[in-house]
């Protein structure tokens, strides 16, 4: 998918909770951390590994739900709407069988729109929608993981404005991992701080 197509898709789909100000345009940054909910497709990988070894019976284990760290930069184009780009990186999701193991980390680059809907004084409901370029970095001796893919991404959250510049936000975002990553849908739950310049 070309960059032009990514931008067009991001402008046409979803909205997001990245708008950090309720009354002015401007640039903001946002950093957050939390947990990734993603399950390695253990039975699928078991079949592949078993086939590599002539159909041998195997016993494997997985380690899911790593941490995630995100950083976003955005520009608020109207009181409740913004455009935002971001980067997120997860910890290791690992699979091991006998003495062999592999792990993968997700690198997620996003571009999308953001919207904020006031609920009560200083508290807003937020939504996000856009395109995510999802890439995996793989380490280990098993060859059944990896890949990269552009996916739609969406999410919701709550934002609390401490003052005109500083806010805190809790978010959920979800997307599909690349098929070769051997993962179920990825959900990121994070808590972070935003600053508007």
Protein backbone atom coordinates (compact mmCIF):
# COMPACT_ATOMS: atom_id res chain seq x y z
CA UNK A 1 0.00 0.00 0.00
CA UNK A 2 1.47 3.36 -1.07
CA UNK A 3 1.93 6.27 1.35
CA UNK A 4 -0.70 8.21 -0.63
CA UNK A 5 -3.21 5.40 -0.09
CA UNK A 6 -2.34 5.19 3.61
CA UNK A 7 -3.01 8.89 4.06
CA UNK A 8 -6.27 8.72 2.12
CA UNK A 9 -7.46 5.76 4.18
CA UNK A 10 -6.48 7.47 7.43
CA UNK A 11 -8.48 10.56 6.47
CA UNK A 12 -11.56 8.53 5.58
CA UNK A 13 -11.84 6.13 8.51
CA UNK A 14 -12.49 6.36 12.21
CA UNK A 15 -11.69 9.09 14.65
CA UNK A 16 -9.47 9.12 17.68
CA UNK A 17 -9.04 10.46 21.16
CA UNK A 18 -5.84 12.32 20.57
CA UNK A 19 -7.13 15.90 20.70
CA UNK A 20 -5.49 17.36 23.77
CA UNK A 21 -7.12 20.74 23.76
CA UNK A 22 -10.79 21.64 23.74
CA UNK A 23 -10.49 25.21 22.49
CA UNK A 24 -7.32 25.77 20.41
CA UNK A 25 -5.38 24.21 17.56
CA UNK A 26 -1.79 23.20 18.11
CA UNK A 27 0.85 20.51 18.32
CA UNK A 28 0.87 17.93 21.11
CA UNK A 29 2.87 14.89 22.17
CA UNK A 30 1.67 11.87 24.06
CA UNK A 31 3.58 9.04 25.73
CA UNK A 32 2.06 5.94 27.28
CA UNK A 33 2.74 2.42 28.50
CA UNK A 34 0.64 -0.61 29.27
CA UNK A 35 -0.11 -4.20 28.34
CA UNK A 36 -0.55 -5.96 25.01
CA UNK A 37 -3.25 -8.63 24.80
CA UNK A 38 -2.19 -10.93 21.96
CA UNK A 39 -2.19 -14.72 21.86
CA UNK A 40 0.32 -16.77 19.91
CA UNK A 41 -1.60 -19.32 17.80
CA UNK A 42 0.02 -22.22 19.60
CA UNK A 43 -1.79 -25.11 17.89
CA UNK A 44 -1.06 -23.65 14.44
CA UNK A 45 2.66 -23.30 15.17
CA UNK A 46 2.71 -26.76 16.77
CA UNK A 47 1.48 -28.25 13.48
CA UNK A 48 4.16 -26.42 11.50
CA UNK A 49 6.98 -27.42 13.87
CA UNK A 50 5.74 -31.02 14.00
CA UNK A 51 5.71 -31.16 10.18
CA UNK A 52 9.31 -29.92 10.15
CA UNK A 53 10.23 -32.97 12.24
CA UNK A 54 8.37 -35.64 10.27
CA UNK A 55 5.15 -35.38 12.27
CA UNK A 56 6.81 -35.92 15.64
CA UNK A 57 4.76 -35.36 18.79
CA UNK A 58 5.81 -32.13 20.51
CA UNK A 59 5.13 -30.23 23.71
CA UNK A 60 5.29 -26.44 23.50
CA UNK A 61 4.57 -23.38 25.60
CA UNK A 62 3.92 -19.73 24.89
CA UNK A 63 4.37 -16.45 26.75
CA UNK A 64 1.76 -13.86 25.77
CA UNK A 65 0.64 -10.38 26.87
CA UNK A 66 3.88 -8.35 26.91
CA UNK A 67 4.24 -4.69 27.81
CA UNK A 68 3.84 -1.97 25.19
CA UNK A 69 5.26 1.55 24.94
CA UNK A 70 3.79 4.21 22.64
CA UNK A 71 4.72 7.72 21.52
CA UNK A 72 2.41 9.96 19.48
CA UNK A 73 2.67 13.38 17.87
CA UNK A 74 -0.42 15.19 16.68
CA UNK A 75 -1.89 18.41 15.41
CA UNK A 76 -5.34 19.54 16.45
CA UNK A 77 -7.03 20.93 13.34
CA UNK A 78 -10.30 22.00 15.02
CA UNK A 79 -11.59 22.07 18.62
CA UNK A 80 -12.35 18.35 18.84
CA UNK A 81 -10.53 16.89 15.83
CA UNK A 82 -6.84 16.10 15.27
CA UNK A 83 -4.54 14.21 12.96
CA UNK A 84 -1.97 12.03 14.68
CA UNK A 85 1.06 9.88 13.90
CA UNK A 86 2.49 7.39 16.35
CA UNK A 87 4.88 4.57 17.09
CA UNK A 88 4.42 1.66 19.46
CA UNK A 89 6.65 -1.27 20.42
CA UNK A 90 5.71 -4.36 22.37
CA UNK A 91 7.78 -6.65 24.52
CA UNK A 92 8.43 -10.26 23.51
CA UNK A 93 5.76 -12.78 22.61
CA UNK A 94 7.55 -16.13 22.76
CA UNK A 95 7.05 -19.74 21.68
CA UNK A 96 9.27 -22.62 22.78
CA UNK A 97 9.38 -26.33 22.09
CA UNK A 98 11.99 -28.72 23.53
CA UNK A 99 15.28 -26.81 23.36
CA UNK A 100 14.20 -24.48 20.53
CA UNK A 101 12.47 -21.14 20.93
CA UNK A 102 11.57 -17.98 19.07
CA UNK A 103 10.17 -14.64 20.09
CA UNK A 104 8.76 -11.67 18.24
CA UNK A 105 8.16 -8.02 19.01
CA UNK A 106 5.63 -5.85 17.23
CA UNK A 107 6.58 -2.42 15.86
CA UNK A 108 3.45 -0.42 15.05
CA UNK A 109 3.52 2.83 13.02
CA UNK A 110 0.17 4.62 12.91
CA UNK A 111 -1.47 7.50 11.05
CA UNK A 112 -5.03 8.50 11.74
CA UNK A 113 -7.67 10.94 12.88
CA UNK A 114 -8.55 11.85 16.44
CA UNK A 115 -11.73 13.09 18.09
CA UNK A 116 -12.65 14.12 21.60
CA UNK A 117 -16.20 14.30 22.97
CA UNK A 118 -16.66 16.22 26.27
CA UNK A 119 -18.53 14.30 28.99
CA UNK A 120 -18.21 16.44 32.11
CA UNK A 121 -15.84 19.21 33.18
CA UNK A 122 -12.29 18.26 32.04
CA UNK A 123 -13.26 14.66 31.19
CA UNK A 124 -13.72 13.54 27.58
CA UNK A 125 -14.49 10.36 25.68
CA UNK A 126 -11.90 9.80 22.96
CA UNK A 127 -11.88 7.73 19.78
CA UNK A 128 -9.21 6.88 17.21
CA UNK A 129 -9.18 5.45 13.71
CA UNK A 130 -6.54 5.10 11.04
CA UNK A 131 -3.97 2.88 9.41
CA UNK A 132 -1.26 0.90 11.20
CA UNK A 133 1.84 -0.49 9.52
CA UNK A 134 2.62 -3.50 11.70
CA UNK A 135 6.07 -5.10 11.53
CA UNK A 136 7.53 -7.94 13.54
CA UNK A 137 11.13 -8.38 14.63
CA UNK A 138 11.95 -12.05 15.25
CA UNK A 139 14.67 -13.67 17.33
CA UNK A 140 15.30 -17.38 17.80
CA UNK A 141 15.81 -20.70 16.03
CA UNK A 142 12.24 -21.31 14.77
CA UNK A 143 11.29 -19.89 11.39
CA UNK A 144 7.50 -19.68 11.60
CA UNK A 145 7.06 -16.07 12.75
CA UNK A 146 7.48 -12.60 11.29
CA UNK A 147 5.95 -10.51 8.54
CA UNK A 148 4.67 -6.99 8.05
CA UNK A 149 1.29 -5.68 6.97
CA UNK A 150 -0.78 -2.49 6.83
CA UNK A 151 -3.94 -2.83 8.91
CA UNK A 152 -6.84 -0.69 10.03
CA UNK A 153 -6.58 0.33 13.68
CA UNK A 154 -9.20 1.78 16.01
CA UNK A 155 -9.69 2.53 19.66
CA UNK A 156 -11.48 4.38 22.43
CA UNK A 157 -10.44 5.94 25.71
CA UNK A 158 -10.94 8.56 28.39
CA UNK A 159 -8.94 11.80 28.70
CA UNK A 160 -8.73 14.10 31.72
CA UNK A 161 -7.34 17.64 31.28
CA UNK A 162 -5.23 18.64 34.26
CA UNK A 163 -4.79 22.14 32.79
CA UNK A 164 -4.63 23.76 29.34
CA UNK A 165 -1.40 21.97 28.44
CA UNK A 166 -1.26 18.75 30.45
CA UNK A 167 -3.60 15.76 30.32
CA UNK A 168 -3.75 12.08 31.20
CA UNK A 169 -5.38 9.45 29.04
CA UNK A 170 -6.35 5.78 29.23
CA UNK A 171 -6.73 4.00 25.88
CA UNK A 172 -7.68 0.76 24.21
CA UNK A 173 -6.53 0.14 20.62
CA UNK A 174 -6.99 -2.96 18.49
CA UNK A 175 -5.80 -4.31 15.13
CA UNK A 176 -4.99 -7.56 13.32
CA UNK A 177 -1.40 -8.75 13.35
CA UNK A 178 0.29 -9.86 10.10
CA UNK A 179 -0.79 -13.42 9.29
CA UNK A 180 2.82 -14.66 9.42
CA UNK A 181 3.11 -13.38 12.99
CA UNK A 182 0.89 -16.31 14.10
CA UNK A 183 -1.05 -14.07 16.49
CA UNK A 184 -4.70 -13.53 17.26
CA UNK A 185 -6.01 -9.96 17.20
CA UNK A 186 -3.80 -7.50 19.08
CA UNK A 187 -5.27 -5.26 21.81
CA UNK A 188 -3.20 -2.59 23.54
CA UNK A 189 -4.31 -1.17 26.91
CA UNK A 190 -2.30 1.88 27.93
CA UNK A 191 -2.16 4.81 30.34
CA UNK A 192 -0.18 7.92 29.52
CA UNK A 193 0.43 11.66 29.68
CA UNK A 194 -0.04 14.25 26.94
CA UNK A 195 1.39 17.76 26.59
CA UNK A 196 0.11 20.47 24.23
CA UNK A 197 2.59 23.16 23.23
